[in-house]
């Protein structure tokens, strides 16, 4: 029995659109977490703040990737 294992073609035609949607969703998560932080203190609050910082870094990386995609086209 032989297998025809070929990778799927790399279709990046909607990559910018997906990245923009991910940015919106991540930003929404930041806002929701900030609302939740109003009821938190101590270690729990610090954990949420750290996670939001990582989310902000992710957003910056996604924006940089969008710029790269736009340059490639």
PDB file of N, CA and C in Angstrom:
ATOM      1  N   UNK A   1       0.845  -1.171   0.000  1.00  0.00           N
ATOM      2  CA  UNK A   1       0.000   0.000   0.000  1.00  0.00           C
ATOM      3  C   UNK A   1       0.896   1.241   0.000  1.00  0.00           C
ATOM      4  N   UNK A   2       0.696   2.118  -0.953  1.00  0.00           N
ATOM      5  CA  UNK A   2       1.495   3.338  -0.993  1.00  0.00           C
ATOM      6  C   UNK A   2       0.631   4.530  -0.597  1.00  0.00           C
ATOM      7  N   UNK A   3       1.289   5.447   0.033  1.00  0.00           N
ATOM      8  CA  UNK A   3       0.611   6.664   0.484  1.00  0.00           C
ATOM      9  C   UNK A   3       1.111   7.839  -0.331  1.00  0.00           C
ATOM     10  N   UNK A   4       0.219   8.729  -0.626  1.00  0.00           N
ATOM     11  CA  UNK A   4       0.579   9.945  -1.345  1.00  0.00           C
ATOM     12  C   UNK A   4       0.539  11.090  -0.344  1.00  0.00           C
ATOM     13  N   UNK A   5       1.582  11.198   0.441  1.00  0.00           N
ATOM     14  CA  UNK A   5       1.635  12.216   1.496  1.00  0.00           C
ATOM     15  C   UNK A   5       2.269  13.491   0.966  1.00  0.00           C
ATOM     16  N   UNK A   6       1.435  14.356   0.499  1.00  0.00           N
ATOM     17  CA  UNK A   6       1.909  15.665   0.065  1.00  0.00           C
ATOM     18  C   UNK A   6       1.318  16.716   0.976  1.00  0.00           C
ATOM     19  N   UNK A   7       2.125  17.685   1.367  1.00  0.00           N
ATOM     20  CA  UNK A   7       1.576  18.745   2.226  1.00  0.00           C
ATOM     21  C   UNK A   7       0.570  19.593   1.459  1.00  0.00           C
ATOM     22  N   UNK A   8      -0.347  20.133   2.195  1.00  0.00           N
ATOM     23  CA  UNK A   8      -1.313  21.056   1.587  1.00  0.00           C
ATOM     24  C   UNK A   8      -0.581  22.299   1.108  1.00  0.00           C
ATOM     25  N   UNK A   9      -1.028  22.892   0.022  1.00  0.00           N
ATOM     26  CA  UNK A   9      -0.384  24.120  -0.444  1.00  0.00           C
ATOM     27  C   UNK A   9      -0.528  25.231   0.595  1.00  0.00           C
ATOM     28  N   UNK A  10       0.470  26.095   0.636  1.00  0.00           N
ATOM     29  CA  UNK A  10       0.479  27.192   1.601  1.00  0.00           C
ATOM     30  C   UNK A  10      -0.378  28.333   1.059  1.00  0.00           C
ATOM     31  N   UNK A  11      -1.626  28.392   1.497  1.00  0.00           N
ATOM     32  CA  UNK A  11      -2.545  29.439   1.046  1.00  0.00           C
ATOM     33  C   UNK A  11      -2.583  30.543   2.099  1.00  0.00           C
ATOM     34  N   UNK A  12      -1.893  31.621   1.831  1.00  0.00           N
ATOM     35  CA  UNK A  12      -1.832  32.728   2.766  1.00  0.00           C
ATOM     36  C   UNK A  12      -2.677  33.910   2.283  1.00  0.00           C
ATOM     37  N   UNK A  13      -3.574  33.655   1.365  1.00  0.00           N
ATOM     38  CA  UNK A  13      -4.340  34.742   0.762  1.00  0.00           C
ATOM     39  C   UNK A  13      -5.211  35.481   1.777  1.00  0.00           C
ATOM     40  N   UNK A  14      -5.642  34.797   2.811  1.00  0.00           N
ATOM     41  CA  UNK A  14      -6.482  35.451   3.814  1.00  0.00           C
ATOM     42  C   UNK A  14      -5.770  35.623   5.145  1.00  0.00           C
ATOM     43  N   UNK A  15      -4.443  35.561   5.115  1.00  0.00           N
ATOM     44  CA  UNK A  15      -3.665  35.651   6.349  1.00  0.00           C
ATOM     45  C   UNK A  15      -3.870  36.983   7.066  1.00  0.00           C
ATOM     46  N   UNK A  16      -3.869  38.082   6.337  1.00  0.00           N
ATOM     47  CA  UNK A  16      -4.039  39.405   6.949  1.00  0.00           C
ATOM     48  C   UNK A  16      -5.407  39.497   7.609  1.00  0.00           C
ATOM     49  N   UNK A  17      -6.406  38.983   6.931  1.00  0.00           N
ATOM     50  CA  UNK A  17      -7.767  39.004   7.477  1.00  0.00           C
ATOM     51  C   UNK A  17      -7.835  38.218   8.793  1.00  0.00           C
ATOM     52  N   UNK A  18      -7.222  37.055   8.809  1.00  0.00           N
ATOM     53  CA  UNK A  18      -7.207  36.230  10.023  1.00  0.00           C
ATOM     54  C   UNK A  18      -6.442  36.918  11.145  1.00  0.00           C
ATOM     55  N   UNK A  19      -5.313  37.530  10.812  1.00  0.00           N
ATOM     56  CA  UNK A  19      -4.530  38.233  11.823  1.00  0.00           C
ATOM     57  C   UNK A  19      -5.316  39.404  12.410  1.00  0.00           C
ATOM     58  N   UNK A  20      -6.021  40.138  11.568  1.00  0.00           N
ATOM     59  CA  UNK A  20      -6.814  41.267  12.058  1.00  0.00           C
ATOM     60  C   UNK A  20      -7.908  40.786  12.997  1.00  0.00           C
ATOM     61  N   UNK A  21      -8.529  39.664  12.671  1.00  0.00           N
ATOM     62  CA  UNK A  21      -9.557  39.108  13.541  1.00  0.00           C
ATOM     63  C   UNK A  21      -8.958  38.659  14.874  1.00  0.00           C
ATOM     64  N   UNK A  22      -7.766  38.074  14.808  1.00  0.00           N
ATOM     65  CA  UNK A  22      -7.098  37.650  16.041  1.00  0.00           C
ATOM     66  C   UNK A  22      -6.753  38.854  16.923  1.00  0.00           C
ATOM     67  N   UNK A  23      -6.356  39.964  16.302  1.00  0.00           N
ATOM     68  CA  UNK A  23      -6.047  41.180  17.061  1.00  0.00           C
ATOM     69  C   UNK A  23      -7.294  41.684  17.772  1.00  0.00           C
ATOM     70  N   UNK A  24      -8.417  41.720  17.063  1.00  0.00           N
ATOM     71  CA  UNK A  24      -9.676  42.182  17.653  1.00  0.00           C
ATOM     72  C   UNK A  24     -10.058  41.287  18.836  1.00  0.00           C
ATOM     73  N   UNK A  25      -9.961  39.974  18.642  1.00  0.00           N
ATOM     74  CA  UNK A  25     -10.318  39.042  19.709  1.00  0.00           C
ATOM     75  C   UNK A  25      -9.394  39.184  20.918  1.00  0.00           C
ATOM     76  N   UNK A  26      -8.111  39.337  20.663  1.00  0.00           N
ATOM     77  CA  UNK A  26      -7.148  39.478  21.754  1.00  0.00           C
ATOM     78  C   UNK A  26      -7.382  40.771  22.515  1.00  0.00           C
ATOM     79  N   UNK A  27      -7.645  41.847  21.778  1.00  0.00           N
ATOM     80  CA  UNK A  27      -7.939  43.125  22.428  1.00  0.00           C
ATOM     81  C   UNK A  27      -9.202  43.023  23.281  1.00  0.00           C
ATOM     82  N   UNK A  28     -10.202  42.316  22.780  1.00  0.00           N
ATOM     83  CA  UNK A  28     -11.435  42.094  23.541  1.00  0.00           C
ATOM     84  C   UNK A  28     -11.131  41.326  24.832  1.00  0.00           C
ATOM     85  N   UNK A  29     -10.268  40.324  24.737  1.00  0.00           N
ATOM     86  CA  UNK A  29      -9.888  39.568  25.933  1.00  0.00           C
ATOM     87  C   UNK A  29      -9.152  40.438  26.945  1.00  0.00           C
ATOM     88  N   UNK A  30      -8.339  41.354  26.467  1.00  0.00           N
ATOM     89  CA  UNK A  30      -7.639  42.279  27.371  1.00  0.00           C
ATOM     90  C   UNK A  30      -8.658  43.120  28.128  1.00  0.00           C
ATOM     91  N   UNK A  31      -9.633  43.671  27.404  1.00  0.00           N
ATOM     92  CA  UNK A  31     -10.638  44.514  28.047  1.00  0.00           C
ATOM     93  C   UNK A  31     -11.463  43.733  29.068  1.00  0.00           C
ATOM     94  N   UNK A  32     -11.838  42.515  28.728  1.00  0.00           N
ATOM     95  CA  UNK A  32     -12.602  41.693  29.670  1.00  0.00           C
ATOM     96  C   UNK A  32     -11.780  41.372  30.906  1.00  0.00           C
ATOM     97  N   UNK A  33     -10.509  41.074  30.709  1.00  0.00           N
ATOM     98  CA  UNK A  33      -9.641  40.763  31.852  1.00  0.00           C
ATOM     99  C   UNK A  33      -9.456  41.982  32.738  1.00  0.00           C
ATOM    100  N   UNK A  34      -9.362  43.169  32.133  1.00  0.00           N
ATOM    101  CA  UNK A  34      -9.224  44.380  32.938  1.00  0.00           C
ATOM    102  C   UNK A  34     -10.461  44.628  33.786  1.00  0.00           C
ATOM    103  N   UNK A  35     -11.631  44.306  33.249  1.00  0.00           N
ATOM    104  CA  UNK A  35     -12.860  44.436  34.036  1.00  0.00           C
ATOM    105  C   UNK A  35     -12.845  43.446  35.197  1.00  0.00           C
ATOM    106  N   UNK A  36     -12.389  42.247  34.926  1.00  0.00           N
ATOM    107  CA  UNK A  36     -12.308  41.221  35.972  1.00  0.00           C
ATOM    108  C   UNK A  36     -11.308  41.622  37.051  1.00  0.00           C
ATOM    109  N   UNK A  37     -10.217  42.274  36.651  1.00  0.00           N
ATOM    110  CA  UNK A  37      -9.176  42.669  37.614  1.00  0.00           C
ATOM    111  C   UNK A  37      -9.706  43.603  38.679  1.00  0.00           C
ATOM    112  N   UNK A  38     -10.768  44.320  38.405  1.00  0.00           N
ATOM    113  CA  UNK A  38     -11.329  45.230  39.400  1.00  0.00           C
ATOM    114  C   UNK A  38     -11.765  44.477  40.647  1.00  0.00           C
ATOM    115  N   UNK A  39     -12.062  43.189  40.484  1.00  0.00           N
ATOM    116  CA  UNK A  39     -12.512  42.377  41.610  1.00  0.00           C
ATOM    117  C   UNK A  39     -11.407  41.493  42.176  1.00  0.00           C
ATOM    118  N   UNK A  40     -10.181  41.649  41.683  1.00  0.00           N
ATOM    119  CA  UNK A  40      -9.079  40.797  42.109  1.00  0.00           C
ATOM    120  C   UNK A  40      -8.039  41.602  42.860  1.00  0.00           C
ATOM    121  N   UNK A  41      -7.245  40.895  43.633  1.00  0.00           N
ATOM    122  CA  UNK A  41      -6.111  41.535  44.308  1.00  0.00           C
ATOM    123  C   UNK A  41      -5.003  40.509  44.443  1.00  0.00           C
ATOM    124  N   UNK A  42      -3.863  40.998  44.830  1.00  0.00           N
ATOM    125  CA  UNK A  42      -2.738  40.127  45.122  1.00  0.00           C
ATOM    126  C   UNK A  42      -2.253  39.325  43.935  1.00  0.00           C
ATOM    127  N   UNK A  43      -2.011  38.053  44.190  1.00  0.00           N
ATOM    128  CA  UNK A  43      -1.417  37.178  43.193  1.00  0.00           C
ATOM    129  C   UNK A  43      -2.326  36.982  41.979  1.00  0.00           C
ATOM    130  N   UNK A  44      -3.625  36.885  42.209  1.00  0.00           N
ATOM    131  CA  UNK A  44      -4.557  36.712  41.094  1.00  0.00           C
ATOM    132  C   UNK A  44      -4.505  37.913  40.152  1.00  0.00           C
ATOM    133  N   UNK A  45      -4.478  39.093  40.712  1.00  0.00           N
ATOM    134  CA  UNK A  45      -4.413  40.304  39.897  1.00  0.00           C
ATOM    135  C   UNK A  45      -3.098  40.359  39.128  1.00  0.00           C
ATOM    136  N   UNK A  46      -2.017  39.992  39.776  1.00  0.00           N
ATOM    137  CA  UNK A  46      -0.703  40.000  39.123  1.00  0.00           C
ATOM    138  C   UNK A  46      -0.665  39.011  37.957  1.00  0.00           C
ATOM    139  N   UNK A  47      -1.314  37.864  38.120  1.00  0.00           N
ATOM    140  CA  UNK A  47      -1.351  36.871  37.041  1.00  0.00           C
ATOM    141  C   UNK A  47      -2.111  37.403  35.835  1.00  0.00           C
ATOM    142  N   UNK A  48      -3.232  38.071  36.079  1.00  0.00           N
ATOM    143  CA  UNK A  48      -4.027  38.626  34.979  1.00  0.00           C
ATOM    144  C   UNK A  48      -3.256  39.754  34.296  1.00  0.00           C
ATOM    145  N   UNK A  49      -2.586  40.588  35.083  1.00  0.00           N
ATOM    146  CA  UNK A  49      -1.787  41.672  34.500  1.00  0.00           C
ATOM    147  C   UNK A  49      -0.678  41.110  33.621  1.00  0.00           C
ATOM    148  N   UNK A  50      -0.022  40.042  34.081  1.00  0.00           N
ATOM    149  CA  UNK A  50       1.051  39.425  33.294  1.00  0.00           C
ATOM    150  C   UNK A  50       0.495  38.838  32.000  1.00  0.00           C
ATOM    151  N   UNK A  51      -0.657  38.212  32.084  1.00  0.00           N
ATOM    152  CA  UNK A  51      -1.266  37.628  30.886  1.00  0.00           C
ATOM    153  C   UNK A  51      -1.641  38.723  29.892  1.00  0.00           C
ATOM    154  N   UNK A  52      -2.179  39.834  30.389  1.00  0.00           N
ATOM    155  CA  UNK A  52      -2.522  40.942  29.499  1.00  0.00           C
ATOM    156  C   UNK A  52      -1.274  41.514  28.832  1.00  0.00           C
ATOM    157  N   UNK A  53      -0.169  41.548  29.550  1.00  0.00           N
ATOM    158  CA  UNK A  53       1.075  42.039  28.958  1.00  0.00           C
ATOM    159  C   UNK A  53       1.507  41.110  27.820  1.00  0.00           C
ATOM    160  N   UNK A  54       1.385  39.814  28.026  1.00  0.00           N
ATOM    161  CA  UNK A  54       1.712  38.864  26.958  1.00  0.00           C
ATOM    162  C   UNK A  54       0.758  39.039  25.781  1.00  0.00           C
ATOM    163  N   UNK A  55      -0.491  39.314  26.062  1.00  0.00           N
ATOM    164  CA  UNK A  55      -1.470  39.561  24.990  1.00  0.00           C
ATOM    165  C   UNK A  55      -1.079  40.798  24.179  1.00  0.00           C
ATOM    166  N   UNK A  56      -0.643  41.845  24.864  1.00  0.00           N
ATOM    167  CA  UNK A  56      -0.221  43.065  24.159  1.00  0.00           C
ATOM    168  C   UNK A  56       0.990  42.782  23.270  1.00  0.00           C
ATOM    169  N   UNK A  57       1.915  41.974  23.777  1.00  0.00           N
ATOM    170  CA  UNK A  57       3.080  41.604  22.977  1.00  0.00           C
ATOM    171  C   UNK A  57       2.655  40.800  21.746  1.00  0.00           C
ATOM    172  N   UNK A  58       1.680  39.935  21.929  1.00  0.00           N
ATOM    173  CA  UNK A  58       1.170  39.147  20.803  1.00  0.00           C
ATOM    174  C   UNK A  58       0.540  40.046  19.752  1.00  0.00           C
ATOM    175  N   UNK A  59      -0.207  41.039  20.197  1.00  0.00           N
ATOM    176  CA  UNK A  59      -0.834  41.975  19.263  1.00  0.00           C
ATOM    177  C   UNK A  59       0.241  42.695  18.455  1.00  0.00           C
ATOM    178  N   UNK A  60       1.312  43.132  19.107  1.00  0.00           N
ATOM    179  CA  UNK A  60       2.390  43.810  18.386  1.00  0.00           C
ATOM    180  C   UNK A  60       3.024  42.878  17.355  1.00  0.00           C
ATOM    181  N   UNK A  61       3.201  41.608  17.725  1.00  0.00           N
ATOM    182  CA  UNK A  61       3.773  40.639  16.787  1.00  0.00           C
ATOM    183  C   UNK A  61       2.835  40.417  15.607  1.00  0.00           C
ATOM    184  N   UNK A  62       1.545  40.351  15.866  1.00  0.00           N
ATOM    185  CA  UNK A  62       0.580  40.169  14.776  1.00  0.00           C
ATOM    186  C   UNK A  62       0.574  41.383  13.855  1.00  0.00           C
ATOM    187  N   UNK A  63       0.679  42.580  14.420  1.00  0.00           N
ATOM    188  CA  UNK A  63       0.726  43.789  13.581  1.00  0.00           C
ATOM    189  C   UNK A  63       1.976  43.790  12.714  1.00  0.00           C
ATOM    190  N   UNK A  64       3.089  43.332  13.273  1.00  0.00           N
ATOM    191  CA  UNK A  64       4.329  43.249  12.496  1.00  0.00           C
ATOM    192  C   UNK A  64       4.179  42.236  11.368  1.00  0.00           C
ATOM    193  N   UNK A  65       3.502  41.144  11.639  1.00  0.00           N
ATOM    194  CA  UNK A  65       3.282  40.132  10.604  1.00  0.00           C
ATOM    195  C   UNK A  65       2.376  40.672   9.500  1.00  0.00           C
ATOM    196  N   UNK A  66       1.387  41.473   9.868  1.00  0.00           N
ATOM    197  CA  UNK A  66       0.522  42.098   8.858  1.00  0.00           C
ATOM    198  C   UNK A  66       1.361  43.003   7.963  1.00  0.00           C
ATOM    199  N   UNK A  67       2.263  43.786   8.559  1.00  0.00           N
ATOM    200  CA  UNK A  67       3.132  44.655   7.749  1.00  0.00           C
ATOM    201  C   UNK A  67       3.982  43.831   6.797  1.00  0.00           C
ATOM    202  N   UNK A  68       4.522  42.704   7.290  1.00  0.00           N
ATOM    203  CA  UNK A  68       5.309  41.833   6.424  1.00  0.00           C
ATOM    204  C   UNK A  68       4.484  41.281   5.274  1.00  0.00           C
ATOM    205  N   UNK A  69       3.270  40.871   5.576  1.00  0.00           N
ATOM    206  CA  UNK A  69       2.385  40.335   4.531  1.00  0.00           C
ATOM    207  C   UNK A  69       2.085  41.414   3.491  1.00  0.00           C
ATOM    208  N   UNK A  70       1.849  42.629   3.938  1.00  0.00           N
ATOM    209  CA  UNK A  70       1.533  43.714   3.005  1.00  0.00           C
ATOM    210  C   UNK A  70       2.734  44.055   2.124  1.00  0.00           C
ATOM    211  N   UNK A  71       3.944  43.941   2.677  1.00  0.00           N
ATOM    212  CA  UNK A  71       5.147  44.200   1.887  1.00  0.00           C
ATOM    213  C   UNK A  71       5.354  43.118   0.826  1.00  0.00           C
ATOM    214  N   UNK A  72       4.945  41.902   1.148  1.00  0.00           N
ATOM    215  CA  UNK A  72       5.138  40.781   0.227  1.00  0.00           C
ATOM    216  C   UNK A  72       4.201  40.865  -0.975  1.00  0.00           C
ATOM    217  N   UNK A  73       3.145  41.644  -0.845  1.00  0.00           N
ATOM    218  CA  UNK A  73       2.180  41.728  -1.952  1.00  0.00           C
ATOM    219  C   UNK A  73       2.358  42.986  -2.686  1.00  0.00           C
TER     220      UNK A  73
END
